[in-house]
Amino acid sequence: MGILTNINKAFDHRIRLGIMSILMVNEYADFNMLKDLLGATDGNLASHTKALENVAYIKVEKQFIGRKPNTRYSTTTLGELEFKKHIEALEKLINKH
């Protein structure tokens, strides 16, 4: 097993890293909050949240606030575990040099 064993391809994009980082410190975040914090376009953010949802790292709740649709995201237990492993692997990689 090499040094990159726990580096997770699901987190190989800055938007996905950002989504997970935000969700690790907040109970949840809605689409607009993620968009504003990450400076992402609607389409870009939607594709990255979908990718994380497809591997069950985040869960999605759709609701209406008044008459406006609202989509909010939170991490799953699996997502938290995998993200922590990913960060630990990155730290090991950095500390090797």
N, C-alpha and C. Protein backbone atom coordinates (compact mmCIF):
# COMPACT_ATOMS: atom_id res chain seq x y z
N MET A 1 0.84 -1.18 0.00
CA MET A 1 0.00 0.00 0.00
C MET A 1 0.88 1.25 0.00
N GLY A 2 0.61 2.16 -0.90
CA GLY A 2 1.42 3.37 -1.01
C GLY A 2 0.93 4.48 -0.08
N ILE A 3 1.64 5.57 -0.13
CA ILE A 3 1.34 6.72 0.71
C ILE A 3 -0.02 7.35 0.36
N LEU A 4 -0.48 7.14 -0.86
CA LEU A 4 -1.72 7.77 -1.30
C LEU A 4 -2.96 6.89 -1.06
N THR A 5 -2.83 5.85 -0.26
CA THR A 5 -3.90 4.90 -0.04
C THR A 5 -5.23 5.53 0.36
N ASN A 6 -5.21 6.46 1.31
CA ASN A 6 -6.46 7.05 1.78
C ASN A 6 -6.84 8.36 1.11
N ILE A 7 -6.10 8.75 0.07
CA ILE A 7 -6.48 9.94 -0.69
C ILE A 7 -7.72 9.54 -1.50
N ASN A 8 -8.79 10.29 -1.30
CA ASN A 8 -10.08 9.92 -1.86
C ASN A 8 -10.40 10.75 -3.11
N LYS A 9 -10.60 10.07 -4.22
CA LYS A 9 -10.87 10.73 -5.50
C LYS A 9 -12.15 11.57 -5.45
N ALA A 10 -13.08 11.21 -4.57
CA ALA A 10 -14.33 11.98 -4.47
C ALA A 10 -14.08 13.41 -4.03
N PHE A 11 -12.92 13.64 -3.38
CA PHE A 11 -12.61 14.98 -2.86
C PHE A 11 -11.52 15.68 -3.68
N ASP A 12 -11.32 15.23 -4.93
CA ASP A 12 -10.18 15.75 -5.70
C ASP A 12 -10.47 17.08 -6.39
N HIS A 13 -11.55 17.72 -6.10
CA HIS A 13 -11.86 19.02 -6.68
C HIS A 13 -12.07 20.03 -5.56
N ARG A 14 -11.64 21.25 -5.76
CA ARG A 14 -11.72 22.25 -4.69
C ARG A 14 -13.15 22.52 -4.24
N ILE A 15 -14.10 22.43 -5.17
CA ILE A 15 -15.51 22.67 -4.79
C ILE A 15 -15.99 21.56 -3.85
N ARG A 16 -15.65 20.30 -4.16
CA ARG A 16 -16.06 19.19 -3.28
C ARG A 16 -15.37 19.27 -1.93
N LEU A 17 -14.09 19.61 -1.94
CA LEU A 17 -13.37 19.81 -0.67
C LEU A 17 -14.04 20.91 0.13
N GLY A 18 -14.43 21.97 -0.55
CA GLY A 18 -15.09 23.09 0.11
C GLY A 18 -16.44 22.71 0.67
N ILE A 19 -17.23 21.98 -0.10
CA ILE A 19 -18.55 21.53 0.37
C ILE A 19 -18.39 20.73 1.65
N MET A 20 -17.48 19.75 1.61
CA MET A 20 -17.29 18.89 2.78
C MET A 20 -16.75 19.69 3.97
N SER A 21 -15.83 20.61 3.72
CA SER A 21 -15.27 21.41 4.81
C SER A 21 -16.36 22.24 5.49
N ILE A 22 -17.23 22.84 4.70
CA ILE A 22 -18.33 23.64 5.23
C ILE A 22 -19.28 22.75 6.04
N LEU A 23 -19.60 21.59 5.48
CA LEU A 23 -20.57 20.72 6.15
C LEU A 23 -20.00 20.05 7.40
N MET A 24 -18.69 19.92 7.48
CA MET A 24 -18.08 19.33 8.67
C MET A 24 -18.20 20.26 9.88
N VAL A 25 -18.27 21.55 9.64
CA VAL A 25 -18.34 22.50 10.76
C VAL A 25 -19.72 23.12 10.94
N ASN A 26 -20.64 22.82 10.06
CA ASN A 26 -22.02 23.29 10.17
C ASN A 26 -22.93 22.07 10.13
N GLU A 27 -24.02 22.12 10.88
CA GLU A 27 -24.96 21.00 10.89
C GLU A 27 -25.50 20.76 9.49
N TYR A 28 -25.75 21.86 8.77
CA TYR A 28 -26.19 21.78 7.38
C TYR A 28 -25.92 23.12 6.70
N ALA A 29 -26.01 23.13 5.39
CA ALA A 29 -25.88 24.36 4.62
C ALA A 29 -26.83 24.25 3.44
N ASP A 30 -27.45 25.38 3.08
CA ASP A 30 -28.32 25.31 1.91
C ASP A 30 -27.53 25.68 0.64
N PHE A 31 -28.18 25.48 -0.48
CA PHE A 31 -27.53 25.65 -1.78
C PHE A 31 -26.92 27.05 -1.91
N ASN A 32 -27.69 28.08 -1.55
CA ASN A 32 -27.20 29.45 -1.72
C ASN A 32 -26.02 29.76 -0.80
N MET A 33 -26.05 29.22 0.40
CA MET A 33 -24.92 29.42 1.33
C MET A 33 -23.65 28.80 0.74
N LEU A 34 -23.75 27.56 0.24
CA LEU A 34 -22.59 26.90 -0.37
C LEU A 34 -22.12 27.70 -1.59
N LYS A 35 -23.06 28.13 -2.39
CA LYS A 35 -22.72 28.88 -3.61
C LYS A 35 -21.96 30.15 -3.27
N ASP A 36 -22.47 30.89 -2.28
CA ASP A 36 -21.81 32.15 -1.88
C ASP A 36 -20.43 31.90 -1.29
N LEU A 37 -20.33 30.93 -0.39
CA LEU A 37 -19.05 30.67 0.28
C LEU A 37 -17.99 30.14 -0.68
N LEU A 38 -18.42 29.38 -1.68
CA LEU A 38 -17.46 28.74 -2.59
C LEU A 38 -17.26 29.50 -3.89
N GLY A 39 -18.09 30.51 -4.15
CA GLY A 39 -17.98 31.26 -5.39
C GLY A 39 -18.23 30.39 -6.61
N ALA A 40 -19.16 29.45 -6.48
CA ALA A 40 -19.45 28.51 -7.57
C ALA A 40 -20.70 28.94 -8.34
N THR A 41 -20.80 28.51 -9.58
CA THR A 41 -22.02 28.74 -10.36
C THR A 41 -23.05 27.70 -9.94
N ASP A 42 -24.31 27.95 -10.28
CA ASP A 42 -25.38 26.99 -9.96
C ASP A 42 -25.07 25.61 -10.53
N GLY A 43 -24.74 25.57 -11.81
CA GLY A 43 -24.50 24.28 -12.48
C GLY A 43 -23.30 23.54 -11.90
N ASN A 44 -22.23 24.29 -11.64
CA ASN A 44 -21.02 23.70 -11.09
C ASN A 44 -21.29 23.11 -9.71
N LEU A 45 -21.94 23.89 -8.85
CA LEU A 45 -22.25 23.42 -7.50
C LEU A 45 -23.19 22.22 -7.55
N ALA A 46 -24.19 22.28 -8.43
CA ALA A 46 -25.15 21.18 -8.54
C ALA A 46 -24.45 19.88 -8.93
N SER A 47 -23.51 19.95 -9.87
CA SER A 47 -22.83 18.72 -10.29
C SER A 47 -21.95 18.15 -9.18
N HIS A 48 -21.31 19.01 -8.41
CA HIS A 48 -20.44 18.54 -7.33
C HIS A 48 -21.23 18.01 -6.14
N THR A 49 -22.35 18.65 -5.81
CA THR A 49 -23.18 18.10 -4.72
C THR A 49 -23.76 16.76 -5.15
N LYS A 50 -24.13 16.63 -6.42
CA LYS A 50 -24.66 15.36 -6.93
C LYS A 50 -23.61 14.26 -6.84
N ALA A 51 -22.38 14.58 -7.18
CA ALA A 51 -21.29 13.59 -7.12
C ALA A 51 -21.11 13.10 -5.68
N LEU A 52 -21.15 14.02 -4.70
CA LEU A 52 -21.00 13.63 -3.29
C LEU A 52 -22.22 12.87 -2.80
N GLU A 53 -23.38 13.23 -3.31
CA GLU A 53 -24.61 12.50 -2.95
C GLU A 53 -24.57 11.09 -3.52
N ASN A 54 -24.06 10.94 -4.73
CA ASN A 54 -24.01 9.62 -5.38
C ASN A 54 -23.15 8.61 -4.63
N VAL A 55 -22.13 9.09 -3.92
CA VAL A 55 -21.29 8.19 -3.12
C VAL A 55 -21.71 8.17 -1.65
N ALA A 56 -22.87 8.77 -1.36
CA ALA A 56 -23.49 8.76 -0.03
C ALA A 56 -22.64 9.49 1.03
N TYR A 57 -21.92 10.53 0.62
CA TYR A 57 -21.13 11.32 1.57
C TYR A 57 -21.93 12.51 2.11
N ILE A 58 -22.94 12.94 1.34
CA ILE A 58 -23.83 13.98 1.83
C ILE A 58 -25.27 13.55 1.60
N LYS A 59 -26.17 14.11 2.42
CA LYS A 59 -27.59 13.86 2.17
C LYS A 59 -28.26 15.18 1.83
N VAL A 60 -29.32 15.09 1.06
CA VAL A 60 -30.00 16.26 0.52
C VAL A 60 -31.44 16.27 1.02
N GLU A 61 -31.85 17.43 1.51
CA GLU A 61 -33.25 17.62 1.92
C GLU A 61 -33.82 18.76 1.09
N LYS A 62 -34.93 18.48 0.43
CA LYS A 62 -35.61 19.54 -0.33
C LYS A 62 -36.88 19.90 0.42
N GLN A 63 -37.08 21.21 0.58
CA GLN A 63 -38.26 21.68 1.29
C GLN A 63 -38.68 23.01 0.70
N PHE A 64 -39.81 23.52 1.15
CA PHE A 64 -40.24 24.85 0.75
C PHE A 64 -40.19 25.76 1.96
N ILE A 65 -39.64 26.94 1.77
CA ILE A 65 -39.68 27.97 2.80
C ILE A 65 -40.57 29.05 2.21
N GLY A 66 -41.77 29.16 2.76
CA GLY A 66 -42.78 29.99 2.11
C GLY A 66 -43.14 29.30 0.81
N ARG A 67 -43.01 30.01 -0.28
CA ARG A 67 -43.27 29.40 -1.59
C ARG A 67 -41.99 29.08 -2.35
N LYS A 68 -40.86 29.35 -1.71
CA LYS A 68 -39.58 29.16 -2.40
C LYS A 68 -38.98 27.80 -2.07
N PRO A 69 -38.55 27.08 -3.10
CA PRO A 69 -37.87 25.80 -2.83
C PRO A 69 -36.52 26.04 -2.16
N ASN A 70 -36.16 25.16 -1.26
CA ASN A 70 -34.89 25.28 -0.55
C ASN A 70 -34.26 23.90 -0.49
N THR A 71 -33.02 23.82 -0.88
CA THR A 71 -32.29 22.55 -0.82
C THR A 71 -31.19 22.70 0.19
N ARG A 72 -31.17 21.78 1.17
CA ARG A 72 -30.08 21.85 2.15
C ARG A 72 -29.36 20.52 2.24
N TYR A 73 -28.09 20.63 2.58
CA TYR A 73 -27.18 19.49 2.56
C TYR A 73 -26.57 19.29 3.94
N SER A 74 -26.29 18.04 4.26
CA SER A 74 -25.54 17.72 5.48
C SER A 74 -24.69 16.48 5.19
N THR A 75 -23.69 16.26 6.03
CA THR A 75 -22.83 15.09 5.82
C THR A 75 -23.52 13.84 6.35
N THR A 76 -23.15 12.72 5.79
CA THR A 76 -23.57 11.43 6.32
C THR A 76 -22.44 10.94 7.24
N THR A 77 -22.72 9.94 8.03
CA THR A 77 -21.67 9.36 8.87
C THR A 77 -20.52 8.85 8.01
N LEU A 78 -20.85 8.20 6.91
CA LEU A 78 -19.83 7.70 5.97
C LEU A 78 -19.02 8.86 5.41
N GLY A 79 -19.70 9.93 5.02
CA GLY A 79 -19.01 11.09 4.46
C GLY A 79 -18.03 11.71 5.45
N GLU A 80 -18.45 11.83 6.71
CA GLU A 80 -17.56 12.38 7.75
C GLU A 80 -16.34 11.50 7.92
N LEU A 81 -16.56 10.19 7.99
CA LEU A 81 -15.47 9.24 8.18
C LEU A 81 -14.48 9.30 7.01
N GLU A 82 -14.99 9.28 5.80
CA GLU A 82 -14.13 9.29 4.61
C GLU A 82 -13.38 10.62 4.48
N PHE A 83 -14.03 11.72 4.83
CA PHE A 83 -13.38 13.02 4.74
C PHE A 83 -12.25 13.12 5.77
N LYS A 84 -12.49 12.64 6.98
CA LYS A 84 -11.44 12.64 8.01
C LYS A 84 -10.25 11.80 7.56
N LYS A 85 -10.52 10.63 6.98
CA LYS A 85 -9.43 9.77 6.47
C LYS A 85 -8.64 10.49 5.38
N HIS A 86 -9.37 11.19 4.52
CA HIS A 86 -8.74 11.93 3.41
C HIS A 86 -7.82 13.03 3.96
N ILE A 87 -8.32 13.80 4.93
CA ILE A 87 -7.54 14.89 5.52
C ILE A 87 -6.30 14.32 6.25
N GLU A 88 -6.49 13.23 6.97
CA GLU A 88 -5.34 12.60 7.66
C GLU A 88 -4.30 12.14 6.65
N ALA A 89 -4.75 11.59 5.53
CA ALA A 89 -3.82 11.14 4.49
C ALA A 89 -3.06 12.32 3.90
N LEU A 90 -3.76 13.43 3.69
CA LEU A 90 -3.09 14.64 3.17
C LEU A 90 -2.06 15.16 4.17
N GLU A 91 -2.42 15.14 5.47
CA GLU A 91 -1.49 15.60 6.50
C GLU A 91 -0.23 14.72 6.53
N LYS A 92 -0.41 13.41 6.41
CA LYS A 92 0.73 12.51 6.38
C LYS A 92 1.62 12.81 5.18
N LEU A 93 1.00 13.04 4.06
CA LEU A 93 1.72 13.34 2.83
C LEU A 93 2.54 14.63 3.00
N ILE A 94 1.91 15.64 3.56
CA ILE A 94 2.59 16.94 3.76
C ILE A 94 3.73 16.80 4.77
N ASN A 95 3.49 16.07 5.84
CA ASN A 95 4.49 15.95 6.90
C ASN A 95 5.67 15.05 6.53
N LYS A 96 5.55 14.29 5.44
CA LYS A 96 6.64 13.43 4.97
C LYS A 96 7.78 14.27 4.40
N HIS A 97 7.45 15.47 3.94
CA HIS A 97 8.46 16.29 3.23
C HIS A 97 8.96 17.42 4.08
